Amino acid sequence: MSSMSDKPEKLITDDGLRLDGRRADEIRPMKIEIGVLSRADGSCYLEWGKNKVLVGVFGPREVHPRRTQRADTAVIRYKYNMASFSVEDRARPGPSRRSIEISKVSREAFEPVIMSELFPKTAIDIFVEVLQADAGTRTAAINASSVALADAGIPMKGLITSCAFGKVDGQIVLDLNKEEDNYGEADFPVAMTQDGEITLLQMDGHLTPEEINKGLELVRKGCKEILEIQQAVLRKKFETPVEETAEEASETEDIENKVVETEASFEYSPEAAAIEDSLEGAEELEGAEELEEELTEESSETSAVTEETPEYEELEEIIKEAEAVVEEDSLEEAIEQEIEEEEGEEALEEEAEFEASFEAAPEPEEFEKLEPGKEESVSGEEEEEKEEEEVMSESQDSAGEEIQLEEETGIEEVASEETIEPEQEIESKAITGKEVPAEEIVKTEEKPEEERCEGPWKVVKDPSESGSRGENE
């Protein structure tokens, strides 16, 4: 570390300029490169003044050790480290209290904008390596980490920009350099989102509220300039200008046209081209003739339709014919009704005549007074009626006998089809139907089994006694 004797007399000259020639509200020049590490998911190299910072982003990836993972969000891990050669006096390698503190506050600066809920049980690792330090390394690391996260495709609500202001020689200045940071009166680093929301705020020194408000205004101006640089770098990588694409498309079209022309010149000779022209002309003529024919057919059809269209008189005749048809239908109905009425009247007349005949019929006394000739005629008619009745009864009797004969023949056929029981079983059934004396029942019980089995099969106790079935039968 340089001695106090190296402290300059004035950090701000009488002209209001700082030692590096900047004004109080100006930032140091910044340079950003993307994709410098091939093995990282996203990477960024940033030069801000004499600061040189390299950032690599890995993830989302599996968490090790497993006990540190979260079930609902991703774990964001930020590691800030200064190389031992990054400062004039060799720094002690490994983590220190300062690097642990900067890692913690920088991680908290990114947590509000990273959509960690989209990747549960994973980890997003941000590794920051300060290769050369010249004051404001934490703000430079935050700016580089924001670009590296965008390069890795990590979903974010917006980019994070960071800048610091301080108090030098009693004046508020923006983006302190090494001499101003070492010999200044205060240092105030700030990080904020695109919308102006502050995600990191630290202070080292003594400042009044008025000085803080003035410094925050300068920081907003500086962060806006840094955001424009970050967006320009990202657009350069991920966006393709529209003009270039249009020019490329036109070039490709020209090349294709040239290729087609050369192919046509190689394939066809002038004679072939003339033949093709003649064929195309013939095809055009044929097409024209077909169109003319179609047009003539359509015109003839339209004229026929116009000729066939009925005039008013024809329409009136058609209407009259329709009315006549309707009238004929109504006439037919009226005729049917009249016929039904006439039939009803005739039926009534017949009934009246039938009743009148009953009234005009002679009483029994009148029948007695009839002449003998008339009585004989009546008796003759009665005899004829009786004879007819007898003939009818005989025919019915003969028909009944035929039906009975048919039934009997059918019964006999059915009986013939059925299996005929042995006569012995029939006799036994007949015997069982009659009353049998007790003595006979006892005799039948005392008979040996061989005598009792008179059926077609003989019960044999000893197999030697059995003969052939044919002999028994």
Foldseek 3Di string as FASTA:
>chain_A
DDDPVPADPAQADPVQAGPVGDHQLDFFDKDKDWDPDPPALTKMWMQGPNWTKIKGKHDQDADPPQVPFFQQFAAEFEFAFEAQPQDPHGDDGDDDPVRVVLRVLLSQLQVVWFPGRVPGNGYMYMYMYTDHDWPPNSQRSQLRSQLRCVSSVGHTPFGKHKWKWFAGPNDIGTHDTRSCVVPPQKIWIWMDGPVRHTRGTDIDHDDDPVSVVVNSVSGVVVRVVSRVVSVVNVCVPPPDDPVVVVVVVVVVVVVVVVVVVVVVPVPDDVVRVVVVVVVVVVVVVVVVVVVVVVVVVVVVVVVVCVVPDDDPVVVVVVVVVVVVVVVVVVVVVVVVVVVVVVVVVVVVVVVVVVVVVVVVDDDPVVVVVDDPVVVVVVVVVVVVVVVVVVVVVVVVVVVVVVVVVVVVVVVVVVVVPDDDDDPVVVVVVVVVVDDDDPVVVVVLVPDDPQVNPPDLDGDDDDPVPDDDSVVSD
